Amino acid sequence: MDILLERKSIRRYTSEDVEKRDLDYILHVAMSAPTARNTRCYSFVVIRDKETHKKIAAIHHAAQMILQAPLAILVVGDKDIAFEEYLPQDCSAATQNILLAATARGYGSVWCGVYSNKKISEAVEKLFNLPKNIKAFSIVVIGKSVDSDSPKNRWQPEKIKYETWE
């Protein structure tokens, strides 16, 4: 099956670690994401420390699965080098690439949004001691999935319009 259709959000993980070569691949793919004017404004913080996972779970109510996972990646963007207001799009592309690369290597993952929630983003930025120009965008939790369910069929042809809305 096409890797794009295999990806799904995973919220339950085994204790199996993410291998270094797989992590390097995931980060390489993340850095291959397109950006406006090729600014490559994204950067990544790999988070393996269990105490930090607990702190993230306390900050972000929708990131509780991090407590089971072996690692997470914090995607951040540098607003000083991002072209105009394209930081969210640039970091979204990198985040999506992480999700797809994790799937390609046999890992489950889930995207936990940070950027649009001021309370969460400020707390994450403080936790990681980010400079003012570096904005927390997302946390991607990664690990081997406990579940073996197949991805859902999300095909909805009624959502497609041609040439105009009508």
Protein backbone atom coordinates (compact mmCIF):
# COMPACT_ATOMS: atom_id res chain seq x y z
CA MET A 1 0.00 0.00 0.00
CA ASP A 2 1.11 3.55 -0.65
CA ILE A 3 2.90 5.02 2.39
CA LEU A 4 0.70 8.11 2.17
CA LEU A 5 -2.38 5.98 2.79
CA GLU A 6 -0.72 3.88 5.52
CA ARG A 7 -0.04 6.82 7.85
CA LYS A 8 -2.36 7.12 10.80
CA SER A 9 -2.26 8.78 14.21
CA ILE A 10 -0.94 6.41 16.87
CA ARG A 11 -1.51 7.08 20.55
CA ARG A 12 -0.34 3.83 22.17
CA TYR A 13 3.27 2.67 22.03
CA THR A 14 5.47 -0.23 23.08
CA SER A 15 8.64 0.42 25.08
CA GLU A 16 10.81 -0.39 22.04
CA ASP A 17 13.24 2.41 21.25
CA VAL A 18 13.57 4.26 17.95
CA GLU A 19 16.87 3.22 16.38
CA LYS A 20 19.44 5.94 15.70
CA ARG A 21 19.57 5.18 11.96
CA ASP A 22 15.78 5.48 11.79
CA LEU A 23 15.80 8.73 13.75
CA ASP A 24 18.48 10.12 11.43
CA TYR A 25 16.36 9.12 8.42
CA ILE A 26 13.26 10.78 9.93
CA LEU A 27 15.17 14.01 10.57
CA HIS A 28 16.75 13.92 7.10
CA VAL A 29 13.27 13.63 5.58
CA ALA A 30 12.01 16.43 7.84
CA MET A 31 14.76 18.69 6.54
CA SER A 32 13.72 17.88 2.98
CA ALA A 33 10.38 19.63 3.45
CA PRO A 34 9.73 22.63 1.22
CA THR A 35 9.74 26.14 2.64
CA ALA A 36 8.73 29.53 1.28
CA ARG A 37 11.70 31.03 -0.55
CA ASN A 38 13.80 28.06 0.66
CA THR A 39 14.37 29.72 4.04
CA ARG A 40 14.47 26.34 5.82
CA CYS A 41 13.31 28.14 8.96
CA TYR A 42 12.57 24.92 10.84
CA SER A 43 14.71 23.19 13.46
CA PHE A 44 14.13 20.12 15.61
CA VAL A 45 14.61 19.12 19.24
CA VAL A 46 14.75 15.36 19.87
CA ILE A 47 13.27 14.54 23.25
CA ARG A 48 14.05 11.17 24.86
CA ASP A 49 14.22 12.18 28.53
CA LYS A 50 11.28 10.69 30.47
CA GLU A 51 11.21 13.60 32.94
CA THR A 52 10.80 16.01 30.03
CA HIS A 53 8.04 13.78 28.64
CA LYS A 54 6.23 14.16 31.98
CA LYS A 55 6.60 17.93 31.82
CA ILE A 56 5.19 18.01 28.29
CA ALA A 57 2.23 15.85 29.36
CA ALA A 58 1.55 18.30 32.20
CA ILE A 59 1.60 21.24 29.77
CA HIS A 60 -0.28 19.68 26.86
CA HIS A 61 -3.47 17.75 27.71
CA ALA A 62 -3.62 16.16 24.23
CA ALA A 63 -0.04 14.82 24.45
CA GLN A 64 -0.52 12.22 27.18
CA MET A 65 0.67 9.45 24.85
CA ILE A 66 4.18 10.87 25.18
CA LEU A 67 4.38 9.11 28.55
CA GLN A 68 4.51 5.73 26.76
CA ALA A 69 6.63 6.70 23.77
CA PRO A 70 10.42 6.42 23.56
CA LEU A 71 10.83 9.81 21.92
CA ALA A 72 9.26 12.92 20.53
CA ILE A 73 10.44 15.63 18.18
CA LEU A 74 9.67 19.27 18.86
CA VAL A 75 9.40 21.16 15.56
CA VAL A 76 10.25 24.83 15.89
CA GLY A 77 10.51 27.71 13.45
CA ASP A 78 12.72 30.78 13.39
CA LYS A 79 10.42 33.75 12.80
CA ASP A 80 13.43 35.96 12.01
CA ILE A 81 14.31 33.97 8.88
CA ALA A 82 10.87 32.66 7.82
CA PHE A 83 9.64 34.38 4.68
CA GLU A 84 6.81 36.79 5.57
CA GLU A 85 4.19 34.86 7.58
CA TYR A 86 4.91 31.39 6.17
CA LEU A 87 6.43 29.83 9.30
CA PRO A 88 3.29 27.72 10.01
CA GLN A 89 3.21 26.33 6.47
CA ASP A 90 6.94 25.59 6.50
CA CYS A 91 6.79 23.83 9.86
CA SER A 92 3.62 21.97 8.81
CA ALA A 93 5.46 20.51 5.82
CA ALA A 94 8.35 19.40 8.06
CA THR A 95 5.91 17.91 10.57
CA GLN A 96 4.07 15.98 7.87
CA ASN A 97 7.38 14.68 6.54
CA ILE A 98 8.26 13.41 10.03
CA LEU A 99 4.95 11.55 10.24
CA LEU A 100 5.44 9.95 6.82
CA ALA A 101 9.09 9.06 7.46
CA ALA A 102 8.19 7.44 10.78
CA THR A 103 5.52 5.37 9.00
CA ALA A 104 8.00 4.39 6.30
CA ARG A 105 10.37 3.06 8.97
CA GLY A 106 7.67 1.06 10.76
CA TYR A 107 6.92 3.47 13.60
CA GLY A 108 3.69 5.02 14.72
CA SER A 109 3.44 8.74 15.32
CA VAL A 110 1.02 11.49 16.20
CA TRP A 111 1.07 15.25 15.63
CA CYS A 112 0.40 17.31 18.76
CA GLY A 113 -0.27 20.91 17.80
CA VAL A 114 1.43 23.66 19.76
CA TYR A 115 1.66 26.80 17.64
CA SER A 116 -1.93 28.02 17.65
CA ASN A 117 -2.44 27.59 21.41
CA LYS A 118 -0.78 30.55 23.15
CA LYS A 119 -0.79 28.96 26.62
CA ILE A 120 0.78 25.70 25.39
CA SER A 121 3.26 27.35 23.02
CA GLU A 122 4.53 29.75 25.69
CA ALA A 123 4.90 26.90 28.21
CA VAL A 124 6.77 24.72 25.70
CA GLU A 125 9.02 27.61 24.68
CA LYS A 126 9.84 28.21 28.35
CA LEU A 127 10.42 24.50 29.05
CA PHE A 128 12.96 24.27 26.22
CA ASN A 129 14.47 27.70 26.88
CA LEU A 130 13.82 28.79 23.30
CA PRO A 131 15.04 32.24 22.24
CA LYS A 132 12.33 34.81 21.42
CA ASN A 133 12.69 34.34 17.66
CA ILE A 134 12.21 30.54 17.87
CA LYS A 135 8.55 29.50 17.96
CA ALA A 136 7.34 26.08 19.08
CA PHE A 137 5.16 24.62 16.34
CA SER A 138 4.41 20.95 17.00
CA ILE A 139 5.42 17.93 18.99
CA VAL A 140 5.52 14.65 17.08
CA VAL A 141 5.41 11.60 19.33
CA ILE A 142 7.07 8.52 17.80
CA GLY A 143 7.38 4.85 18.73
CA LYS A 144 6.37 1.31 17.82
CA SER A 145 2.59 1.02 17.81
CA VAL A 146 0.75 -1.29 20.18
CA ASP A 147 -2.17 -1.37 17.75
CA SER A 148 -2.25 -3.26 14.49
CA ASP A 149 -5.45 -1.74 13.11
CA SER A 150 -5.48 -0.85 9.44
CA PRO A 151 -5.72 2.80 8.47
CA LYS A 152 -9.24 4.08 7.84
CA ASN A 153 -10.42 4.80 4.32
CA ARG A 154 -10.76 8.57 4.28
CA TRP A 155 -11.81 8.91 0.63
CA GLN A 156 -14.74 11.36 0.36
CA PRO A 157 -15.43 12.28 -3.26
CA GLU A 158 -18.18 14.68 -2.17
CA LYS A 159 -15.42 16.98 -0.85
CA ILE A 160 -14.05 17.49 -4.35
CA LYS A 161 -15.15 20.38 -6.57
CA TYR A 162 -13.93 21.08 -10.09
CA GLU A 163 -13.23 24.55 -11.43
CA THR A 164 -15.70 26.29 -9.07
CA TRP A 165 -17.55 25.56 -5.83
CA GLU A 166 -20.93 24.97 -7.49
